[in-house]
Protein backbone atom coordinates (compact mmCIF):
# COMPACT_ATOMS: atom_id res chain seq x y z
CA MET A 1 17.47 20.52 -49.64
CA PHE A 2 19.57 19.67 -46.62
CA PRO A 3 22.91 21.42 -46.17
CA GLN A 4 25.96 19.45 -47.17
CA GLN A 5 26.98 16.75 -44.67
CA THR A 6 29.94 17.53 -42.42
CA ASN A 7 32.68 14.92 -42.13
CA PHE A 8 33.72 13.92 -38.63
CA GLU A 9 36.78 12.07 -37.54
CA LEU A 10 36.19 10.70 -34.04
CA PRO A 11 38.94 8.86 -32.20
CA GLU A 12 36.14 6.91 -30.60
CA ASP A 13 34.74 5.70 -33.95
CA CYS A 14 35.30 2.11 -32.96
CA ILE A 15 33.24 2.56 -29.77
CA PHE A 16 30.61 4.51 -31.72
CA ASN A 17 30.21 1.95 -34.47
CA PHE A 18 30.17 -1.14 -32.29
CA SER A 19 28.14 0.15 -29.36
CA PRO A 20 25.38 -2.29 -28.27
CA HIS A 21 22.95 0.63 -28.36
CA PRO A 22 21.87 2.77 -31.33
CA MET A 23 23.91 6.00 -31.55
CA TRP A 24 23.79 8.96 -33.89
CA ILE A 25 24.86 12.54 -34.34
CA TYR A 26 22.36 15.02 -35.70
CA ASP A 27 22.16 18.71 -36.55
CA ALA A 28 19.84 20.42 -34.06
CA ASP A 29 19.05 23.17 -36.55
CA THR A 30 17.89 20.86 -39.38
CA LEU A 31 17.19 17.71 -37.31
CA ARG A 32 19.07 15.81 -40.02
CA PHE A 33 21.07 12.68 -39.15
CA LEU A 34 24.78 13.21 -39.82
CA LYS A 35 26.20 9.92 -38.57
CA VAL A 36 24.63 6.63 -37.33
CA ASN A 37 26.16 3.42 -35.99
CA HIS A 38 25.55 -0.19 -36.95
CA GLU A 39 23.11 -0.89 -34.10
CA ALA A 40 20.89 2.03 -35.17
CA VAL A 41 20.73 0.57 -38.67
CA ARG A 42 19.89 -2.87 -37.29
CA GLN A 43 17.21 -1.82 -34.81
CA TYR A 44 15.42 0.90 -36.77
CA GLY A 45 15.39 -0.92 -40.13
CA TYR A 46 16.86 1.93 -42.20
CA SER A 47 20.07 1.57 -44.15
CA GLU A 48 22.84 4.01 -43.33
CA LYS A 49 22.12 5.88 -46.57
CA GLU A 50 18.41 6.10 -45.71
CA PHE A 51 19.22 7.36 -42.23
CA LEU A 52 21.33 10.19 -43.63
CA SER A 53 18.41 11.28 -45.83
CA ILE A 54 15.80 11.62 -43.06
CA THR A 55 15.36 13.70 -39.91
CA LEU A 56 14.49 13.05 -36.27
CA GLU A 57 10.84 13.70 -37.05
CA ASP A 58 10.80 10.59 -39.26
CA ILE A 59 11.57 8.32 -36.29
CA ARG A 60 8.93 9.91 -34.06
CA PRO A 61 5.18 9.13 -34.06
CA LYS A 62 3.25 12.09 -35.46
CA GLU A 63 1.47 12.67 -32.16
CA ASP A 64 4.86 13.07 -30.43
CA ILE A 65 6.38 15.70 -32.78
CA HIS A 66 5.52 18.48 -30.33
CA VAL A 67 7.60 16.72 -27.67
CA LEU A 68 10.58 16.79 -30.03
CA SER A 69 9.99 20.47 -30.86
CA ASN A 70 9.98 21.43 -27.17
CA ALA A 71 13.20 19.51 -26.58
CA ILE A 72 14.95 21.25 -29.51
CA LYS A 73 13.86 24.68 -28.25
CA ASN A 74 15.60 24.02 -24.94
CA ILE A 75 18.75 22.50 -26.40
CA HIS A 76 20.76 25.74 -26.29
CA GLN A 77 20.11 26.09 -22.56
CA ARG A 78 22.29 23.07 -21.81
CA ASP A 79 26.02 23.13 -21.32
CA GLU A 80 28.36 21.10 -23.47
CA GLY A 81 29.40 17.83 -21.88
CA TYR A 82 26.11 17.52 -19.95
CA PHE A 83 24.16 14.36 -20.70
CA LYS A 84 20.42 14.90 -20.95
CA LYS A 85 18.22 11.89 -20.08
CA ARG A 86 14.63 11.46 -21.16
CA LEU A 87 12.04 8.81 -22.04
CA VAL A 88 10.39 9.10 -25.47
CA ARG A 89 8.78 6.98 -28.15
CA HIS A 90 10.47 6.16 -31.45
CA LYS A 91 9.17 4.66 -34.67
CA LYS A 92 10.94 2.08 -36.82
CA LYS A 93 10.89 2.02 -40.61
CA ASP A 94 8.09 -0.59 -40.55
CA GLY A 95 5.97 1.70 -38.35
CA THR A 96 6.56 -0.13 -35.06
CA VAL A 97 6.45 2.29 -32.13
CA PHE A 98 8.57 1.42 -29.10
CA PRO A 99 9.81 3.17 -25.93
CA VAL A 100 13.42 4.34 -25.69
CA HIS A 101 15.59 5.90 -23.05
CA LEU A 102 17.66 8.70 -24.59
CA LYS A 103 20.96 10.08 -23.35
CA SER A 104 22.32 13.04 -25.30
CA ASN A 105 25.23 15.43 -25.13
CA LEU A 106 26.12 18.56 -27.12
CA ILE A 107 29.24 18.31 -29.30
CA PRO A 108 31.45 21.38 -29.61
CA ASP A 109 31.28 22.88 -33.12
CA LYS A 110 31.75 26.49 -34.15
CA ASP A 111 29.31 26.41 -37.05
CA LYS A 112 26.50 24.05 -36.02
CA THR A 113 24.58 22.81 -33.01
CA LEU A 114 25.39 19.13 -32.94
CA GLU A 115 24.24 16.51 -30.47
CA LEU A 116 25.36 12.96 -29.79
CA VAL A 117 22.48 10.64 -28.86
CA ILE A 118 22.45 7.16 -27.34
CA ALA A 119 19.06 5.39 -27.66
CA MET A 120 18.31 2.36 -25.49
CA ASP A 121 15.31 0.22 -26.37
CA ILE A 122 13.43 -0.29 -23.09
CA THR A 123 10.54 -2.30 -24.53
CA GLU A 124 11.21 -5.31 -22.30
CA LEU A 125 11.85 -3.08 -19.29
CA LYS A 126 8.64 -1.14 -19.98
CA GLU A 127 6.69 -4.37 -20.37
CA SER A 128 8.13 -5.60 -17.08
CA GLU A 129 7.22 -2.32 -15.40
CA ASP A 130 3.71 -2.47 -16.85
CA LEU A 131 3.33 -6.05 -15.64
CA LEU A 132 4.63 -5.03 -12.23
CA ILE A 133 2.16 -2.14 -12.07
CA LEU A 134 -0.66 -4.41 -13.24
CA SER A 135 0.33 -7.05 -10.70
CA ASN A 136 0.52 -4.44 -7.96
CA ASN A 137 -2.91 -3.06 -8.91
CA ARG A 138 -4.35 -6.56 -8.89
CA LEU A 139 -2.75 -7.21 -5.52
CA ASN A 140 -4.25 -4.00 -4.14
CA ARG A 141 -7.69 -4.94 -5.49
CA ALA A 142 -7.37 -8.45 -4.07
CA GLN A 143 -6.35 -7.03 -0.69
CA ARG A 144 -9.29 -4.66 -0.76
CA ILE A 145 -11.77 -7.38 -1.70
CA ALA A 146 -10.37 -9.77 0.93
CA LYS A 147 -9.92 -6.93 3.45
CA LEU A 148 -6.34 -8.14 3.83
CA GLY A 149 -3.49 -5.72 4.50
CA TYR A 150 0.29 -6.08 4.79
CA TRP A 151 2.76 -4.44 7.17
CA ARG A 152 6.47 -4.59 7.93
CA ARG A 153 8.71 -3.19 10.68
CA ASN A 154 12.48 -3.29 11.07
CA LEU A 155 13.49 -4.29 14.58
CA ASN A 156 15.83 -1.31 14.84
CA SER A 157 13.06 1.11 13.90
CA ASP A 158 9.95 2.39 15.63
CA LEU A 159 8.16 2.96 12.31
CA SER A 160 6.16 0.36 10.39
CA GLU A 161 5.42 0.19 6.68
CA TRP A 162 1.72 -0.26 5.91
CA SER A 163 -0.03 -1.18 2.68
CA ASP A 164 -2.96 0.92 1.51
CA GLU A 165 -5.42 -1.74 2.66
CA THR A 166 -3.90 -1.76 6.15
CA PHE A 167 -4.62 1.96 6.39
CA ARG A 168 -8.17 1.33 5.13
CA ILE A 169 -8.77 -1.37 7.75
CA TYR A 170 -7.83 1.08 10.49
CA GLY A 171 -9.92 3.78 8.79
CA TYR A 172 -7.06 6.18 8.06
CA GLU A 173 -5.62 7.81 4.95
CA PRO A 174 -1.87 7.19 4.53
CA HIS A 175 -1.10 10.91 4.97
CA SER A 176 -3.18 11.23 8.16
CA PHE A 177 -1.60 8.51 10.31
CA THR A 178 2.01 7.60 11.04
CA PRO A 179 2.28 3.93 12.10
CA THR A 180 4.81 4.30 14.88
CA LEU A 181 4.74 1.66 17.61
CA LYS A 182 3.16 4.13 20.03
CA ASN A 183 0.41 5.09 17.58
CA VAL A 184 -0.28 1.45 16.70
CA ILE A 185 -0.62 0.57 20.39
CA ASN A 186 -3.16 3.38 20.77
CA VAL A 187 -5.37 2.01 17.98
CA PHE A 188 -5.44 -1.44 19.59
CA HIS A 189 -8.43 -2.06 21.88
CA PRO A 190 -7.39 -1.28 25.49
CA GLU A 191 -8.04 -4.88 26.55
CA ASP A 192 -5.83 -6.20 23.73
CA ARG A 193 -2.87 -3.81 23.96
CA HIS A 194 -0.87 -6.32 25.97
CA LEU A 195 -0.35 -8.16 22.67
CA LEU A 196 1.98 -5.34 21.60
CA THR A 197 3.39 -4.25 24.93
CA ASP A 198 4.61 -7.78 25.65
CA ASP A 199 7.91 -8.66 23.98
CA LEU A 200 6.90 -10.10 20.60
CA LEU A 201 10.27 -11.75 20.08
CA ASP A 202 9.56 -14.05 23.02
CA HIS A 203 6.62 -15.51 21.08
CA LEU A 204 8.08 -15.65 17.56
CA GLU A 205 10.23 -18.28 15.88
CA PRO A 206 11.97 -17.59 12.56
CA GLY A 207 9.97 -18.87 9.61
CA LYS A 208 6.91 -19.79 11.69
CA LEU A 209 3.65 -17.87 11.48
CA LYS A 210 2.04 -16.60 14.67
CA SER A 211 -1.70 -16.04 14.36
CA PHE A 212 -3.97 -14.17 16.75
CA GLU A 213 -7.25 -12.24 16.77
CA HIS A 214 -7.90 -8.94 18.50
CA ARG A 215 -9.94 -5.74 18.38
CA ILE A 216 -8.90 -2.35 17.02
CA LEU A 217 -10.22 1.19 17.33
CA THR A 218 -10.72 2.76 13.90
CA ALA A 219 -10.39 6.44 13.03
CA ASN A 220 -14.12 7.03 13.62
CA GLY A 221 -14.02 5.30 17.02
CA SER A 222 -15.75 2.08 15.96
CA ILE A 223 -14.50 -1.31 17.15
CA ARG A 224 -13.44 -3.85 14.52
CA TRP A 225 -12.15 -7.41 14.81
CA VAL A 226 -8.98 -8.35 12.92
CA GLN A 227 -6.83 -11.43 12.49
CA GLN A 228 -3.08 -11.00 12.27
CA GLU A 229 -0.46 -13.46 11.07
CA ILE A 230 3.12 -12.39 11.70
CA GLN A 231 6.55 -13.92 11.34
CA LEU A 232 10.13 -13.11 12.24
CA ILE A 233 12.55 -12.69 9.32
CA LEU A 234 16.30 -13.26 9.63
CA ASN A 235 19.06 -11.47 7.72
CA ASP A 236 21.80 -13.10 5.62
CA ILE A 237 24.00 -13.82 8.63
CA GLY A 238 21.21 -15.38 10.70
CA GLY A 239 20.42 -12.38 12.87
CA THR A 240 16.94 -10.95 13.35
CA SER A 241 16.09 -8.48 10.60
CA HIS A 242 12.44 -7.50 10.77
CA ILE A 243 8.93 -8.71 11.42
CA GLU A 244 6.18 -8.70 8.84
CA GLY A 245 2.60 -9.75 8.78
CA THR A 246 -0.86 -9.58 7.32
CA ILE A 247 -3.97 -8.13 8.88
CA MET A 248 -7.50 -9.15 7.88
CA ASP A 249 -10.78 -7.53 8.86
CA ILE A 250 -12.89 -10.38 10.31
CA THR A 251 -15.60 -8.24 11.92
CA GLU A 252 -18.40 -9.73 9.82
CA ARG A 253 -17.24 -13.26 10.64
CA LYS A 254 -17.08 -12.52 14.37
CA GLU A 255 -20.54 -10.94 14.30
CA TYR A 256 -21.88 -13.98 12.45
CA GLU A 257 -20.22 -16.33 14.96
CA GLN A 258 -21.78 -14.39 17.85
CA LYS A 259 -25.23 -14.48 16.24
CA LEU A 260 -24.81 -18.19 15.54
CA LYS A 261 -23.78 -18.80 19.15
CA GLU A 262 -26.80 -16.89 20.45
CA SER A 263 -29.06 -18.74 18.02
CA ASN A 264 -27.69 -22.11 19.15
CA GLU A 265 -28.17 -21.14 22.79
CA ARG A 266 -31.78 -20.12 22.13
CA PHE A 267 -32.35 -23.33 20.20
CA SER A 268 -30.86 -25.43 23.01
CA LEU A 269 -33.02 -23.68 25.60
CA ALA A 270 -36.07 -24.19 23.40
CA MET A 271 -35.24 -27.88 23.11
CA LEU A 272 -34.87 -28.15 26.88
CA ALA A 273 -38.17 -26.34 27.42
CA SER A 274 -39.98 -28.58 24.95
CA ASN A 275 -38.38 -31.85 26.12
CA GLN A 276 -36.96 -32.37 22.63
CA LYS A 277 -33.55 -33.41 21.37
CA ILE A 278 -32.32 -33.14 17.79
CA TRP A 279 -30.09 -35.71 16.12
CA ASP A 280 -28.42 -35.85 12.71
CA LEU A 281 -27.31 -39.14 11.16
CA ASP A 282 -24.76 -39.14 8.31
CA HIS A 283 -25.23 -42.45 6.48
CA GLY A 284 -22.12 -41.99 4.33
CA ASN A 285 -19.81 -41.78 7.34
CA ASN A 286 -22.14 -43.75 9.65
CA THR A 287 -21.86 -41.08 12.33
CA ILE A 288 -24.54 -39.45 14.45
CA LEU A 289 -24.47 -35.90 15.78
CA HIS A 290 -26.58 -35.23 18.87
CA SER A 291 -26.74 -33.11 21.98
CA LYS A 292 -25.82 -34.35 25.42
CA ILE A 293 -26.73 -32.76 28.75
CA ILE A 294 -23.52 -32.28 30.75
CA CYS A 295 -24.47 -30.17 33.80
CA ASP A 296 -26.87 -27.42 34.92
CA GLY A 297 -28.94 -27.91 31.80
CA GLN A 298 -25.98 -27.12 29.53
CA GLU A 299 -25.71 -29.14 26.34
CA GLN A 300 -22.67 -30.49 24.54
CA ILE A 301 -22.69 -31.53 20.89
CA VAL A 302 -21.43 -35.11 20.49
CA LYS A 303 -20.39 -36.84 17.27
CA GLU A 304 -19.85 -40.59 17.37
CA PRO A 305 -20.23 -43.79 15.30
CA PHE A 306 -23.82 -44.94 14.84
CA THR A 307 -23.78 -48.32 16.59
CA LYS A 308 -25.98 -50.12 19.10
CA ASP A 309 -23.50 -49.50 21.90
CA SER A 310 -23.10 -45.76 21.22
CA SER A 311 -23.98 -43.32 23.99
CA TRP A 312 -27.09 -42.40 21.99
CA LEU A 313 -28.57 -45.87 21.43
CA GLY A 314 -27.09 -47.25 24.64
CA LYS A 315 -29.78 -45.45 26.66
CA ILE A 316 -32.63 -47.29 24.94
CA HIS A 317 -34.28 -49.84 27.22
CA PRO A 318 -32.75 -53.31 26.68
CA ASP A 319 -36.19 -54.73 25.91
CA ASP A 320 -36.70 -52.15 23.15
CA ILE A 321 -33.29 -51.78 21.47
CA ASP A 322 -33.56 -54.69 19.00
CA ARG A 323 -37.09 -53.70 17.98
CA VAL A 324 -36.06 -50.06 17.47
CA TRP A 325 -32.89 -50.97 15.54
CA ASP A 326 -34.66 -53.43 13.22
CA SER A 327 -37.68 -51.16 12.66
CA PHE A 328 -35.47 -48.18 11.80
CA PHE A 329 -33.48 -50.03 9.15
CA GLN A 330 -36.60 -51.67 7.73
CA GLN A 331 -38.04 -48.21 7.19
CA LEU A 332 -34.78 -47.03 5.58
CA GLU A 333 -34.92 -49.91 3.10
CA ASN A 334 -38.24 -48.57 1.82
CA ARG A 335 -36.96 -46.12 -0.81
CA GLU A 336 -40.37 -44.44 -1.01
CA MET A 337 -40.37 -43.59 2.69
CA SER A 338 -39.22 -40.10 3.69
CA HIS A 339 -40.75 -39.75 7.19
CA GLY A 340 -40.68 -42.20 10.07
CA LYS A 341 -41.71 -42.56 13.69
CA LEU A 342 -40.58 -44.80 16.55
CA GLU A 343 -41.73 -45.13 20.15
CA TYR A 344 -39.57 -46.64 22.85
CA ARG A 345 -38.32 -46.31 26.40
CA LEU A 346 -35.10 -44.77 27.69
CA ARG A 347 -33.36 -45.93 30.83
CA LEU A 348 -31.47 -43.04 32.38
CA GLU A 349 -28.33 -43.28 34.49
CA ASN A 350 -30.34 -42.87 37.70
CA GLY A 351 -32.51 -45.84 36.73
CA THR A 352 -35.67 -43.92 35.86
CA ILE A 353 -37.63 -44.86 32.76
CA ARG A 354 -38.70 -42.26 30.22
CA TYR A 355 -41.04 -42.77 27.30
CA VAL A 356 -40.10 -41.04 24.03
CA THR A 357 -41.44 -40.57 20.53
CA ASP A 358 -38.81 -40.26 17.79
CA THR A 359 -39.90 -38.66 14.50
CA TYR A 360 -37.44 -38.20 11.65
CA TYR A 361 -36.97 -37.18 8.02
CA VAL A 362 -34.82 -39.16 5.58
CA GLN A 363 -32.91 -37.34 2.84
CA ARG A 364 -32.28 -39.68 -0.09
CA GLY A 365 -30.04 -39.70 -3.15
CA ALA A 366 -30.95 -40.08 -6.81
CA GLN A 367 -31.30 -43.86 -6.42
CA GLY A 368 -33.34 -43.59 -3.25
CA GLU A 369 -30.42 -44.48 -0.99
CA PRO A 370 -30.46 -42.78 2.44
CA ILE A 371 -27.92 -39.97 2.69
CA ARG A 372 -28.91 -38.19 5.85
CA THR A 373 -31.56 -38.59 8.53
CA ILE A 374 -32.57 -35.76 10.84
CA GLY A 375 -34.77 -36.56 13.81
CA SER A 376 -36.42 -35.05 16.84
CA MET A 377 -36.85 -37.10 20.01
CA THR A 378 -39.67 -35.92 22.30
CA ASP A 379 -40.08 -36.98 25.93
CA VAL A 380 -43.72 -38.12 26.23
CA THR A 381 -43.45 -39.59 29.74
CA VAL A 382 -45.82 -37.04 31.28
CA THR A 383 -48.25 -37.38 28.40
CA ARG A 384 -48.15 -41.16 28.67
CA LYS A 385 -48.85 -41.00 32.41
CA GLN A 386 -51.77 -38.69 31.74
CA LEU A 387 -53.14 -41.17 29.22
CA GLU A 388 -52.74 -44.01 31.72
CA LYS A 389 -54.53 -41.89 34.32
CA ILE A 390 -57.38 -41.20 31.91
CA LYS A 391 -57.56 -44.90 31.10
CA ALA A 392 -57.76 -45.75 34.81
CA HIS A 393 -60.51 -43.13 35.26
CA ASN A 394 -62.40 -44.68 32.38
CA THR A 395 -62.19 -48.08 34.07
CA VAL A 396 -63.60 -46.59 37.28
CA LEU A 397 -66.36 -44.89 35.38
CA GLN A 398 -67.18 -48.16 33.64
CA ASP A 399 -67.42 -49.93 37.02
CA ILE A 400 -69.64 -47.17 38.39
CA ALA A 401 -71.79 -47.28 35.28
CA TRP A 402 -72.20 -51.04 35.67
CA LEU A 403 -73.20 -50.63 39.31
CA GLN A 404 -75.66 -47.94 38.37
CA SER A 405 -77.17 -49.95 35.56
CA HIS A 406 -77.33 -53.31 37.37
CA ALA A 407 -76.70 -53.41 41.12
CA ILE A 408 -78.60 -50.19 41.91
CA ARG A 409 -81.20 -50.42 39.17
CA SER A 410 -82.55 -53.79 40.41
CA PRO A 411 -83.51 -52.79 44.02
CA LEU A 412 -84.72 -49.42 42.77
CA THR A 413 -87.04 -51.23 40.35
CA ARG A 414 -88.41 -53.35 43.19
CA ILE A 415 -89.12 -50.25 45.30
CA MET A 416 -90.98 -48.64 42.42
CA ALA A 417 -93.00 -51.85 41.85
CA LEU A 418 -93.93 -52.19 45.54
CA THR A 419 -95.09 -48.58 45.82
CA ASN A 420 -97.18 -48.90 42.65
CA LEU A 421 -98.69 -52.16 43.90
CA TYR A 422 -99.63 -50.67 47.27
CA ARG A 423 -101.23 -47.63 45.64
CA SER A 424 -103.37 -49.74 43.33
CA LYS A 425 -104.32 -52.70 45.57
CA GLY A 426 -103.70 -51.50 49.08
CA GLU A 427 -103.43 -54.45 51.50
CA GLU A 428 -105.40 -56.86 49.34
CA ILE A 429 -102.26 -58.62 48.14
CA MET A 430 -99.60 -57.62 50.72
CA SER A 431 -99.82 -56.06 54.14
CA PHE A 432 -98.39 -52.63 54.77
CA ASP A 433 -95.73 -53.96 57.15
CA ARG A 434 -94.59 -56.55 54.61
CA THR A 435 -94.39 -53.88 51.92
CA ILE A 436 -92.28 -51.62 54.16
CA GLN A 437 -90.05 -54.57 55.03
CA LEU A 438 -89.35 -55.29 51.34
CA ILE A 439 -88.75 -51.61 50.58
CA ASP A 440 -86.27 -51.38 53.49
CA LYS A 441 -84.42 -54.37 52.10
CA ALA A 442 -84.15 -52.77 48.65
CA VAL A 443 -82.98 -49.47 50.19
CA ALA A 444 -80.28 -51.36 52.11
CA GLU A 445 -79.08 -52.91 48.85
CA ILE A 446 -78.91 -49.45 47.24
CA ASP A 447 -77.02 -48.08 50.23
CA ASP A 448 -74.56 -50.95 50.01
CA GLN A 449 -73.92 -50.27 46.32
CA LEU A 450 -73.45 -46.54 46.98
CA HIS A 451 -70.79 -47.38 49.55
CA GLN A 452 -69.17 -49.60 46.94
CA ILE A 453 -69.09 -46.69 44.46
CA ILE A 454 -67.58 -44.40 47.11
CA LYS A 455 -64.93 -47.02 47.83
CA ILE A 456 -64.01 -47.32 44.14
CA THR A 457 -63.83 -43.53 43.81
CA ASN A 458 -61.63 -43.17 46.89
CA THR A 459 -59.29 -45.89 45.63
CA ASP A 460 -58.91 -44.06 42.29
CA ASN A 461 -58.22 -40.76 44.07
CA ASN A 462 -55.58 -42.39 46.25
CA ASN A 463 -53.90 -43.85 43.16
CA GLU A 464 -53.91 -40.42 41.53
CA GLN A 465 -52.32 -38.82 44.59
CA GLY A 466 -49.68 -41.53 44.56
CA ASN A 467 -48.90 -40.85 40.90
CA ILE A 468 -48.57 -37.13 41.60
CA ALA A 469 -46.23 -37.80 44.51
CA SER A 470 -44.09 -40.10 42.39
């Protein structure tokens, strides 16, 4: 049984009873409640009579009883009038466990150890703190995934505040690096340190972001690329307060851009070496993307509307443009067609004519409509000239063959007939002098035809030399 309750007369009973927070007085020796206020009854769910029949252990979760025991053991070490603050968990009559912030003070009494307790329900505060911690953890994870850090520096201070991810980007642990202005300058790449040594305020406007990219030297000496966005913040009276910014590791992007640049350069050189040009036609936007030689073999990518008078189609020979335009769109109308080929002439700015072969692939939609066409134009001028040369050679060979088979064969046949006749008949039919005379005539005809062949051959050689010179 509990000892008999002690009656208390407090001049502050009105404050005690109508406090917005639960309050009670308990006996530290028995842990029994001796007096409770209205708010304690309301929040904990016990009636005043029920409260006075239970102990502190009844409003604590079982797993927290040892915390209460330790607190009671140390109660006599405190001075009267000293408020003790602590965070604990309490349990309502219905079993609900909730966090409370306790403030307690010993009450002078010659017979008992009494303590006045104020209990503040901090459930909402704890939930807010938990949400803040969760949000902060999520922010840290997001910064780590995005490789995005945050920093801040007061203008009247040499020291910056860095987020954990900012330290990680630079390769340091927070305890191993102090982000003073001098130290930050030293971890900038030497060629980029002017970005910090120059007066930043000359380049910043309040409320406007300033973005720039630069290199840094990490803790292990490696070079990384970062992108910073900073802004100037004003105070309440309109004066400059501080600067803050974000820093993002963009090393992978810069490496990819460099590789892409090198790849494009190699591709452009390969196209120049192979006399090929690539073009890309977007049917949805009716625009064509193609390369254009600007100077010293350098190429520039041009995007323009796909029309007859564009810089791309404008170079097609006037006698070929309508045929090329109509043939191309006729092929596009064939929904079964995926590959096409066109041959035409180009007239360059210096007036020279080039022959090209244009092969392309058509990407189509679900209904067969053209979406995109990618083509490769090849300069076949040299090849065409070689074919024309071969054709001319063939004509010469045909002429020579005709001379051999007709003009030379006829007198040669007569010579063979005369010699056979003389061998078999002697001078019975024809005298020796007459036979020699006829043979000489046939030989003269052969000699004349041989000169004709030499003339044809020389003419062909001269034409070839002229083609080479041109």
